Amino acid sequence: MKKAIRKIDSANRVRIPKNVIEALGISKGDSLEIFYEDKKLILKKFIINNY
């Protein structure tokens, strides 16, 4: 598992590092699923299956 540390800004936002965005294949306009439990936060690229 790789690690990055970022501060939350005054608008409660956190910036995802460019290398993480590229490694996960996330593009502008993509959606992310947000999971949280036991003080852990997980972001996952949301993929819509068009069957």
PDB file of N, CA and C in Angstrom:
ATOM      1  N   MET A   1       0.849  -1.177   0.000  1.00  0.00           N
ATOM      2  CA  MET A   1       0.000   0.000   0.000  1.00  0.00           C
ATOM      3  C   MET A   1       0.891   1.235   0.000  1.00  0.00           C
ATOM      4  N   LYS A   2       0.549   2.187  -0.847  1.00  0.00           N
ATOM      5  CA  LYS A   2       1.310   3.427  -0.922  1.00  0.00           C
ATOM      6  C   LYS A   2       0.629   4.473  -0.052  1.00  0.00           C
ATOM      7  N   LYS A   3       1.359   5.512   0.310  1.00  0.00           N
ATOM      8  CA  LYS A   3       0.854   6.488   1.264  1.00  0.00           C
ATOM      9  C   LYS A   3       1.128   7.907   0.790  1.00  0.00           C
ATOM     10  N   ALA A   4       0.179   8.796   1.052  1.00  0.00           N
ATOM     11  CA  ALA A   4       0.362  10.228   0.801  1.00  0.00           C
ATOM     12  C   ALA A   4      -0.324  10.968   1.942  1.00  0.00           C
ATOM     13  N   ILE A   5       0.232  12.084   2.349  1.00  0.00           N
ATOM     14  CA  ILE A   5      -0.360  12.888   3.419  1.00  0.00           C
ATOM     15  C   ILE A   5      -0.740  14.239   2.835  1.00  0.00           C
ATOM     16  N   ARG A   6      -1.978  14.637   3.055  1.00  0.00           N
ATOM     17  CA  ARG A   6      -2.486  15.921   2.585  1.00  0.00           C
ATOM     18  C   ARG A   6      -3.297  16.572   3.703  1.00  0.00           C
ATOM     19  N   LYS A   7      -3.284  17.903   3.760  1.00  0.00           N
ATOM     20  CA  LYS A   7      -4.083  18.644   4.736  1.00  0.00           C
ATOM     21  C   LYS A   7      -5.451  18.964   4.144  1.00  0.00           C
ATOM     22  N   ILE A   8      -6.429  19.057   4.998  1.00  0.00           N
ATOM     23  CA  ILE A   8      -7.768  19.495   4.599  1.00  0.00           C
ATOM     24  C   ILE A   8      -7.755  21.022   4.580  1.00  0.00           C
ATOM     25  N   ASP A   9      -8.260  21.625   3.496  1.00  0.00           N
ATOM     26  CA  ASP A   9      -8.236  23.082   3.390  1.00  0.00           C
ATOM     27  C   ASP A   9      -9.411  23.713   4.129  1.00  0.00           C
ATOM     28  N   SER A  10      -9.512  25.030   4.066  1.00  0.00           N
ATOM     29  CA  SER A  10     -10.540  25.760   4.816  1.00  0.00           C
ATOM     30  C   SER A  10     -11.960  25.454   4.340  1.00  0.00           C
ATOM     31  N   ALA A  11     -12.098  24.883   3.145  1.00  0.00           N
ATOM     32  CA  ALA A  11     -13.415  24.503   2.619  1.00  0.00           C
ATOM     33  C   ALA A  11     -13.671  23.004   2.809  1.00  0.00           C
ATOM     34  N   ASN A  12     -12.889  22.356   3.688  1.00  0.00           N
ATOM     35  CA  ASN A  12     -13.022  20.926   3.993  1.00  0.00           C
ATOM     36  C   ASN A  12     -12.750  20.031   2.789  1.00  0.00           C
ATOM     37  N   ARG A  13     -11.823  20.437   1.943  1.00  0.00           N
ATOM     38  CA  ARG A  13     -11.457  19.650   0.769  1.00  0.00           C
ATOM     39  C   ARG A  13     -10.062  19.071   0.961  1.00  0.00           C
ATOM     40  N   VAL A  14      -9.825  17.958   0.300  1.00  0.00           N
ATOM     41  CA  VAL A  14      -8.495  17.373   0.281  1.00  0.00           C
ATOM     42  C   VAL A  14      -8.122  17.124  -1.177  1.00  0.00           C
ATOM     43  N   ARG A  15      -6.893  17.446  -1.535  1.00  0.00           N
ATOM     44  CA  ARG A  15      -6.431  17.280  -2.908  1.00  0.00           C
ATOM     45  C   ARG A  15      -5.816  15.902  -3.064  1.00  0.00           C
ATOM     46  N   ILE A  16      -6.262  15.166  -4.069  1.00  0.00           N
ATOM     47  CA  ILE A  16      -5.701  13.846  -4.360  1.00  0.00           C
ATOM     48  C   ILE A  16      -4.471  14.056  -5.234  1.00  0.00           C
ATOM     49  N   PRO A  17      -3.325  13.501  -4.825  1.00  0.00           N
ATOM     50  CA  PRO A  17      -2.098  13.706  -5.598  1.00  0.00           C
ATOM     51  C   PRO A  17      -2.215  13.217  -7.045  1.00  0.00           C
ATOM     52  N   LYS A  18      -1.536  13.918  -7.942  1.00  0.00           N
ATOM     53  CA  LYS A  18      -1.595  13.605  -9.370  1.00  0.00           C
ATOM     54  C   LYS A  18      -1.171  12.165  -9.658  1.00  0.00           C
ATOM     55  N   ASN A  19      -0.132  11.682  -8.977  1.00  0.00           N
ATOM     56  CA  ASN A  19       0.332  10.313  -9.245  1.00  0.00           C
ATOM     57  C   ASN A  19      -0.721   9.276  -8.844  1.00  0.00           C
ATOM     58  N   VAL A  20      -1.523   9.572  -7.831  1.00  0.00           N
ATOM     59  CA  VAL A  20      -2.607   8.658  -7.429  1.00  0.00           C
ATOM     60  C   VAL A  20      -3.718   8.680  -8.474  1.00  0.00           C
ATOM     61  N   ILE A  21      -4.089   9.875  -8.923  1.00  0.00           N
ATOM     62  CA  ILE A  21      -5.107  10.033  -9.968  1.00  0.00           C
ATOM     63  C   ILE A  21      -4.704   9.243 -11.220  1.00  0.00           C
ATOM     64  N   GLU A  22      -3.458   9.385 -11.622  1.00  0.00           N
ATOM     65  CA  GLU A  22      -2.978   8.698 -12.825  1.00  0.00           C
ATOM     66  C   GLU A  22      -2.925   7.186 -12.622  1.00  0.00           C
ATOM     67  N   ALA A  23      -2.454   6.747 -11.463  1.00  0.00           N
ATOM     68  CA  ALA A  23      -2.333   5.311 -11.193  1.00  0.00           C
ATOM     69  C   ALA A  23      -3.690   4.615 -11.174  1.00  0.00           C
ATOM     70  N   LEU A  24      -4.723   5.327 -10.735  1.00  0.00           N
ATOM     71  CA  LEU A  24      -6.057   4.745 -10.655  1.00  0.00           C
ATOM     72  C   LEU A  24      -6.894   4.993 -11.902  1.00  0.00           C
ATOM     73  N   GLY A  25      -6.364   5.731 -12.858  1.00  0.00           N
ATOM     74  CA  GLY A  25      -7.091   5.996 -14.095  1.00  0.00           C
ATOM     75  C   GLY A  25      -8.309   6.874 -13.895  1.00  0.00           C
ATOM     76  N   ILE A  26      -8.213   7.820 -12.971  1.00  0.00           N
ATOM     77  CA  ILE A  26      -9.327   8.733 -12.691  1.00  0.00           C
ATOM     78  C   ILE A  26      -9.182   9.958 -13.585  1.00  0.00           C
ATOM     79  N   SER A  27     -10.287  10.366 -14.194  1.00  0.00           N
ATOM     80  CA  SER A  27     -10.295  11.528 -15.079  1.00  0.00           C
ATOM     81  C   SER A  27     -11.258  12.576 -14.548  1.00  0.00           C
ATOM     82  N   LYS A  28     -11.084  13.801 -14.996  1.00  0.00           N
ATOM     83  CA  LYS A  28     -11.993  14.890 -14.627  1.00  0.00           C
ATOM     84  C   LYS A  28     -13.417  14.490 -14.992  1.00  0.00           C
ATOM     85  N   GLY A  29     -14.329  14.648 -14.051  1.00  0.00           N
ATOM     86  CA  GLY A  29     -15.731  14.299 -14.283  1.00  0.00           C
ATOM     87  C   GLY A  29     -16.102  12.908 -13.808  1.00  0.00           C
ATOM     88  N   ASP A  30     -15.107  12.064 -13.486  1.00  0.00           N
ATOM     89  CA  ASP A  30     -15.403  10.731 -12.945  1.00  0.00           C
ATOM     90  C   ASP A  30     -16.029  10.864 -11.557  1.00  0.00           C
ATOM     91  N   SER A  31     -16.751   9.847 -11.149  1.00  0.00           N
ATOM     92  CA  SER A  31     -17.345   9.805  -9.816  1.00  0.00           C
ATOM     93  C   SER A  31     -16.547   8.866  -8.923  1.00  0.00           C
ATOM     94  N   LEU A  32     -16.530   9.171  -7.632  1.00  0.00           N
ATOM     95  CA  LEU A  32     -15.863   8.327  -6.651  1.00  0.00           C
ATOM     96  C   LEU A  32     -16.881   7.861  -5.614  1.00  0.00           C
ATOM     97  N   GLU A  33     -16.776   6.602  -5.223  1.00  0.00           N
ATOM     98  CA  GLU A  33     -17.547   6.091  -4.098  1.00  0.00           C
ATOM     99  C   GLU A  33     -16.743   6.390  -2.840  1.00  0.00           C
ATOM    100  N   ILE A  34     -17.433   6.753  -1.773  1.00  0.00           N
ATOM    101  CA  ILE A  34     -16.773   7.071  -0.512  1.00  0.00           C
ATOM    102  C   ILE A  34     -17.285   6.123   0.555  1.00  0.00           C
ATOM    103  N   PHE A  35     -16.366   5.395   1.171  1.00  0.00           N
ATOM    104  CA  PHE A  35     -16.689   4.475   2.250  1.00  0.00           C
ATOM    105  C   PHE A  35     -15.952   4.943   3.499  1.00  0.00           C
ATOM    106  N   TYR A  36     -16.578   4.788   4.665  1.00  0.00           N
ATOM    107  CA  TYR A  36     -15.879   5.110   5.906  1.00  0.00           C
ATOM    108  C   TYR A  36     -16.380   4.208   7.027  1.00  0.00           C
ATOM    109  N   GLU A  37     -15.426   3.833   7.882  1.00  0.00           N
ATOM    110  CA  GLU A  37     -15.725   2.972   9.021  1.00  0.00           C
ATOM    111  C   GLU A  37     -14.492   2.937   9.917  1.00  0.00           C
ATOM    112  N   ASP A  38     -14.715   2.951  11.212  1.00  0.00           N
ATOM    113  CA  ASP A  38     -13.623   2.834  12.182  1.00  0.00           C
ATOM    114  C   ASP A  38     -12.453   3.768  11.879  1.00  0.00           C
ATOM    115  N   LYS A  39     -12.755   5.034  11.656  1.00  0.00           N
ATOM    116  CA  LYS A  39     -11.746   6.066  11.394  1.00  0.00           C
ATOM    117  C   LYS A  39     -10.928   5.814  10.130  1.00  0.00           C
ATOM    118  N   LYS A  40     -11.498   5.071   9.185  1.00  0.00           N
ATOM    119  CA  LYS A  40     -10.854   4.840   7.893  1.00  0.00           C
ATOM    120  C   LYS A  40     -11.741   5.399   6.797  1.00  0.00           C
ATOM    121  N   LEU A  41     -11.122   6.002   5.809  1.00  0.00           N
ATOM    122  CA  LEU A  41     -11.821   6.567   4.660  1.00  0.00           C
ATOM    123  C   LEU A  41     -11.279   5.894   3.418  1.00  0.00           C
ATOM    124  N   ILE A  42     -12.184   5.390   2.584  1.00  0.00           N
ATOM    125  CA  ILE A  42     -11.778   4.721   1.349  1.00  0.00           C
ATOM    126  C   ILE A  42     -12.477   5.391   0.180  1.00  0.00           C
ATOM    127  N   LEU A  43     -11.714   5.779  -0.824  1.00  0.00           N
ATOM    128  CA  LEU A  43     -12.257   6.330  -2.066  1.00  0.00           C
ATOM    129  C   LEU A  43     -12.047   5.300  -3.160  1.00  0.00           C
ATOM    130  N   LYS A  44     -13.090   5.061  -3.940  1.00  0.00           N
ATOM    131  CA  LYS A  44     -13.015   4.074  -5.011  1.00  0.00           C
ATOM    132  C   LYS A  44     -13.636   4.661  -6.264  1.00  0.00           C
ATOM    133  N   LYS A  45     -12.970   4.478  -7.398  1.00  0.00           N
ATOM    134  CA  LYS A  45     -13.526   4.955  -8.655  1.00  0.00           C
ATOM    135  C   LYS A  45     -14.858   4.251  -8.892  1.00  0.00           C
ATOM    136  N   PHE A  46     -15.893   5.029  -9.176  1.00  0.00           N
ATOM    137  CA  PHE A  46     -17.225   4.487  -9.395  1.00  0.00           C
ATOM    138  C   PHE A  46     -17.385   4.200 -10.878  1.00  0.00           C
ATOM    139  N   ILE A  47     -17.655   2.942 -11.175  1.00  0.00           N
ATOM    140  CA  ILE A  47     -17.812   2.519 -12.574  1.00  0.00           C
ATOM    141  C   ILE A  47     -19.243   2.055 -12.778  1.00  0.00           C
ATOM    142  N   ILE A  48     -19.911   2.681 -13.739  1.00  0.00           N
ATOM    143  CA  ILE A  48     -21.289   2.315 -14.064  1.00  0.00           C
ATOM    144  C   ILE A  48     -21.245   1.229 -15.134  1.00  0.00           C
ATOM    145  N   ASN A  49     -21.848   0.103 -14.829  1.00  0.00           N
ATOM    146  CA  ASN A  49     -21.922  -0.995 -15.815  1.00  0.00           C
ATOM    147  C   ASN A  49     -23.163  -0.806 -16.680  1.00  0.00           C
ATOM    148  N   ASN A  50     -22.959  -0.645 -17.959  1.00  0.00           N
ATOM    149  CA  ASN A  50     -24.077  -0.453 -18.895  1.00  0.00           C
ATOM    150  C   ASN A  50     -24.375  -1.767 -19.592  1.00  0.00           C
ATOM    151  N   TYR A  51     -25.146  -2.610 -18.935  1.00  0.00           N
ATOM    152  CA  TYR A  51     -25.514  -3.908 -19.533  1.00  0.00           C
ATOM    153  C   TYR A  51     -26.894  -3.848 -20.116  1.00  0.00           C
TER     154      TYR A  51
END
